């Protein structure tokens, strides 16, 4: 029997989305492991969420413009921005983003700001809203090198991290969206220390699964030590 005009077919339910971003290569390099890793996760299903991967330019301002467009388009439940951290040996779960651009090298457009605010007049810092301690434990259980990092630097990675958290905190339609930043090591072909791409991809997959699963649990993140003395 056909549906009556007063009983329209329900609109299709939109699957919740995880937005994960990487960067293009910078500093004279030919590859960026952050983009290679997140690209490998594009289209996967994690805990009932569809993963959407996107690449950001390693450029002040333009990176945030692109990220904001992605946020408006996808209205994700979870956002994880990923960047390269040459010299680090572990997947780094970033704790805090600070409101300063102070570039040790030029970005891909040649800009090299010194002591410039990411968002003038905005708070000094934002904490990640990812369950970084639970993610730490989950990656440790998989035998992957992982750490909680107390600084995302002052280059474009921190610029994006801060801009993300400021946007989530102030956009009415995104205030329930959780977000944060993860740094990954070089790949073996880039130098040492390094991590194979398959391990980086696995680590990000485990981290995303944990971030979705922990959401809504009483008490939120787990209480394990992951501080630093310097």
Protein backbone atom coordinates (compact mmCIF):
# COMPACT_ATOMS: atom_id res chain seq x y z
CA UNK A 1 0.00 0.00 0.00
CA UNK A 2 1.55 3.36 -0.96
CA UNK A 3 2.40 5.84 1.75
CA UNK A 4 -0.18 8.56 2.26
CA UNK A 5 0.75 12.18 1.50
CA UNK A 6 0.58 12.93 5.22
CA UNK A 7 3.24 10.28 5.96
CA UNK A 8 6.30 11.20 3.85
CA UNK A 9 9.23 8.84 3.65
CA UNK A 10 11.79 9.65 6.36
CA UNK A 11 14.98 11.39 5.27
CA UNK A 12 18.00 9.08 5.07
CA UNK A 13 20.11 9.04 8.21
CA UNK A 14 23.52 10.59 7.57
CA UNK A 15 26.39 8.48 8.88
CA UNK A 16 28.57 10.39 11.38
CA UNK A 17 31.90 11.47 9.98
CA UNK A 18 35.48 11.54 11.18
CA UNK A 19 37.54 14.20 9.42
CA UNK A 20 41.27 13.50 9.39
CA UNK A 21 43.74 15.79 7.67
CA UNK A 22 47.40 15.68 6.67
CA UNK A 23 49.74 18.20 5.04
CA UNK A 24 51.55 18.47 1.76
CA UNK A 25 55.35 18.20 1.71
CA UNK A 26 57.34 21.19 2.95
CA UNK A 27 60.88 22.33 3.64
CA UNK A 28 62.25 20.86 0.43
CA UNK A 29 60.95 17.33 1.14
CA UNK A 30 59.18 15.31 -1.55
CA UNK A 31 56.72 13.51 0.76
CA UNK A 32 54.87 14.11 3.98
CA UNK A 33 53.99 10.99 6.00
CA UNK A 34 50.99 12.71 7.55
CA UNK A 35 49.22 12.90 4.19
CA UNK A 36 50.28 9.43 3.07
CA UNK A 37 48.93 7.95 6.30
CA UNK A 38 45.59 9.76 6.44
CA UNK A 39 45.00 9.12 2.74
CA UNK A 40 45.21 5.38 3.47
CA UNK A 41 42.30 5.75 5.91
CA UNK A 42 39.97 7.61 3.54
CA UNK A 43 36.63 5.88 3.13
CA UNK A 44 37.10 3.41 5.98
CA UNK A 45 34.40 2.74 8.55
CA UNK A 46 35.45 3.10 12.21
CA UNK A 47 32.97 2.54 15.02
CA UNK A 48 30.04 3.38 12.75
CA UNK A 49 31.73 6.55 11.46
CA UNK A 50 32.86 7.24 7.91
CA UNK A 51 36.45 8.49 7.63
CA UNK A 52 37.04 11.43 5.30
CA UNK A 53 40.68 12.34 4.63
CA UNK A 54 41.84 15.67 3.23
CA UNK A 55 45.15 17.41 2.58
CA UNK A 56 45.93 20.87 3.90
CA UNK A 57 48.53 23.22 2.41
CA UNK A 58 51.55 23.94 4.60
CA UNK A 59 50.74 27.62 4.44
CA UNK A 60 49.70 29.99 7.22
CA UNK A 61 46.16 31.25 6.77
CA UNK A 62 45.40 29.12 3.71
CA UNK A 63 45.56 25.93 5.80
CA UNK A 64 42.90 27.24 8.17
CA UNK A 65 40.75 28.51 5.31
CA UNK A 66 40.78 25.01 3.80
CA UNK A 67 40.09 23.37 7.17
CA UNK A 68 37.11 25.62 7.86
CA UNK A 69 35.65 24.77 4.45
CA UNK A 70 35.98 21.07 5.30
CA UNK A 71 34.30 21.59 8.67
CA UNK A 72 31.34 23.36 7.05
CA UNK A 73 31.05 20.68 4.39
CA UNK A 74 31.24 17.58 6.56
CA UNK A 75 30.06 18.73 10.04
CA UNK A 76 32.18 15.93 11.53
CA UNK A 77 31.69 14.35 14.93
CA UNK A 78 35.46 14.07 15.34
CA UNK A 79 38.40 15.93 13.78
CA UNK A 80 42.02 14.80 13.97
CA UNK A 81 44.62 16.90 12.19
CA UNK A 82 47.94 15.12 11.59
CA UNK A 83 51.37 16.55 10.87
CA UNK A 84 54.98 15.47 10.41
CA UNK A 85 57.44 15.83 13.29
CA UNK A 86 60.92 15.05 12.01
CA UNK A 87 63.20 14.06 14.89
CA UNK A 88 60.48 12.44 16.96
CA UNK A 89 60.51 8.67 17.31
CA UNK A 90 56.90 8.14 18.41
CA UNK A 91 53.36 9.03 17.46
CA UNK A 92 52.78 12.22 19.45
CA UNK A 93 49.34 12.97 20.85
CA UNK A 94 49.33 16.74 21.29
CA UNK A 95 47.92 18.16 24.50
CA UNK A 96 47.78 21.92 23.91
CA UNK A 97 47.68 24.46 21.07
CA UNK A 98 49.05 27.96 21.66
CA UNK A 99 48.05 31.25 20.06
CA UNK A 100 51.32 32.13 18.34
CA UNK A 101 52.96 31.73 14.95
CA UNK A 102 56.76 31.92 15.20
CA UNK A 103 58.13 30.16 12.15
CA UNK A 104 61.61 28.56 12.27
CA UNK A 105 61.37 28.08 8.49
CA UNK A 106 59.24 29.59 5.75
CA UNK A 107 55.95 27.97 4.84
CA UNK A 108 55.24 26.82 1.29
CA UNK A 109 54.21 30.35 0.30
CA UNK A 110 57.41 31.88 1.67
CA UNK A 111 55.84 33.37 4.81
CA UNK A 112 57.86 33.30 8.03
CA UNK A 113 55.90 35.15 10.74
CA UNK A 114 57.52 36.05 14.06
CA UNK A 115 55.44 36.33 17.24
CA UNK A 116 52.13 36.73 15.42
CA UNK A 117 48.84 35.58 16.95
CA UNK A 118 46.97 32.81 15.17
CA UNK A 119 43.73 34.57 16.15
CA UNK A 120 44.24 38.11 17.53
CA UNK A 121 42.48 38.68 20.84
CA UNK A 122 41.63 34.99 21.31
CA UNK A 123 42.61 32.84 24.31
CA UNK A 124 46.28 32.07 24.90
CA UNK A 125 45.76 28.33 24.44
CA UNK A 126 43.29 25.50 23.96
CA UNK A 127 43.53 21.93 25.17
CA UNK A 128 42.77 19.01 22.87
CA UNK A 129 39.31 17.58 23.38
CA UNK A 130 40.46 14.12 22.32
CA UNK A 131 40.88 11.45 25.03
CA UNK A 132 44.66 11.55 24.62
CA UNK A 133 45.45 9.41 27.67
CA UNK A 134 43.05 6.65 26.59
CA UNK A 135 44.53 6.86 23.09
CA UNK A 136 48.01 6.56 24.60
CA UNK A 137 47.04 3.36 26.40
CA UNK A 138 45.35 1.94 23.31
CA UNK A 139 48.44 2.47 21.15
CA UNK A 140 50.73 1.09 23.84
CA UNK A 141 48.65 -2.09 23.91
CA UNK A 142 49.33 -2.46 20.18
CA UNK A 143 53.07 -2.19 20.82
CA UNK A 144 53.41 1.10 18.94
CA UNK A 145 55.77 3.91 20.03
CA UNK A 146 53.56 6.68 21.39
CA UNK A 147 53.75 9.68 23.71
CA UNK A 148 51.70 12.59 24.95
CA UNK A 149 53.40 15.75 23.69
CA UNK A 150 53.24 19.05 25.55
CA UNK A 151 53.96 21.20 22.49
CA UNK A 152 52.93 21.14 18.85
CA UNK A 153 55.62 23.71 18.02
CA UNK A 154 54.94 27.14 16.55
CA UNK A 155 54.90 26.28 12.83
CA UNK A 156 51.88 25.52 10.61
CA UNK A 157 50.95 22.39 12.61
CA UNK A 158 50.28 24.42 15.76
CA UNK A 159 48.63 27.11 13.61
CA UNK A 160 46.12 24.53 12.36
CA UNK A 161 45.70 22.91 15.79
CA UNK A 162 44.92 26.25 17.43
CA UNK A 163 42.65 27.36 14.60
CA UNK A 164 40.75 24.08 14.78
CA UNK A 165 40.14 24.29 18.51
CA UNK A 166 39.16 27.96 18.34
CA UNK A 167 36.65 27.20 15.59
CA UNK A 168 35.15 24.26 17.46
CA UNK A 169 34.83 26.33 20.62
CA UNK A 170 33.08 29.23 18.92
CA UNK A 171 31.01 27.82 16.06
CA UNK A 172 27.47 27.07 17.25
CA UNK A 173 27.04 24.06 14.97
CA UNK A 174 30.40 22.51 15.89
CA UNK A 175 30.44 22.80 19.68
CA UNK A 176 29.75 19.08 20.09
CA UNK A 177 32.57 18.19 17.70
CA UNK A 178 35.74 17.00 19.40
CA UNK A 179 39.15 17.61 17.92
CA UNK A 180 42.89 17.59 18.33
CA UNK A 181 46.25 17.06 16.70
CA UNK A 182 48.65 14.15 16.24
CA UNK A 183 52.26 14.34 15.06
CA UNK A 184 53.87 11.37 13.31
CA UNK A 185 57.57 10.58 12.71
CA UNK A 186 59.45 10.53 9.44
CA UNK A 187 59.24 7.50 7.20
CA UNK A 188 62.41 5.36 6.85
CA UNK A 189 63.33 6.97 3.52
CA UNK A 190 63.36 10.41 5.14
CA UNK A 191 65.93 9.71 7.85
CA UNK A 192 66.07 8.69 11.49
CA UNK A 193 64.29 8.29 13.83
CA UNK A 194 61.43 6.94 11.75
CA UNK A 195 58.40 4.68 11.61
CA UNK A 196 57.13 2.46 8.77
CA UNK A 197 54.07 3.84 7.02
CA UNK A 198 52.00 0.76 7.88
CA UNK A 199 52.66 1.39 11.58
CA UNK A 200 51.68 5.05 11.26
CA UNK A 201 48.43 4.06 9.54
CA UNK A 202 47.73 1.40 12.17
CA UNK A 203 48.42 3.88 14.96
CA UNK A 204 46.05 6.47 13.55
CA UNK A 205 43.36 3.83 13.03
CA UNK A 206 43.70 2.66 16.65
CA UNK A 207 43.67 6.26 17.87
CA UNK A 208 40.50 7.09 15.96
CA UNK A 209 38.74 3.95 17.16
CA UNK A 210 39.62 4.81 20.75
CA UNK A 211 38.58 8.44 20.41
CA UNK A 212 35.13 7.43 19.18
CA UNK A 213 34.70 4.66 21.76
CA UNK A 214 35.66 6.76 24.77
CA UNK A 215 33.26 9.56 23.86
CA UNK A 216 30.36 9.73 26.28
CA UNK A 217 31.78 7.37 28.88
CA UNK A 218 31.54 8.51 32.50
CA UNK A 219 34.74 10.28 33.51
CA UNK A 220 35.96 10.72 29.93
CA UNK A 221 39.71 10.23 29.59
CA UNK A 222 41.74 7.80 31.70
CA UNK A 223 44.02 8.94 34.51
CA UNK A 224 47.48 7.74 33.55
CA UNK A 225 50.73 9.68 33.92
CA UNK A 226 52.01 11.22 30.71
CA UNK A 227 53.62 14.48 31.79
CA UNK A 228 57.12 15.83 31.24
CA UNK A 229 59.88 17.33 33.37
CA UNK A 230 61.15 19.63 30.61
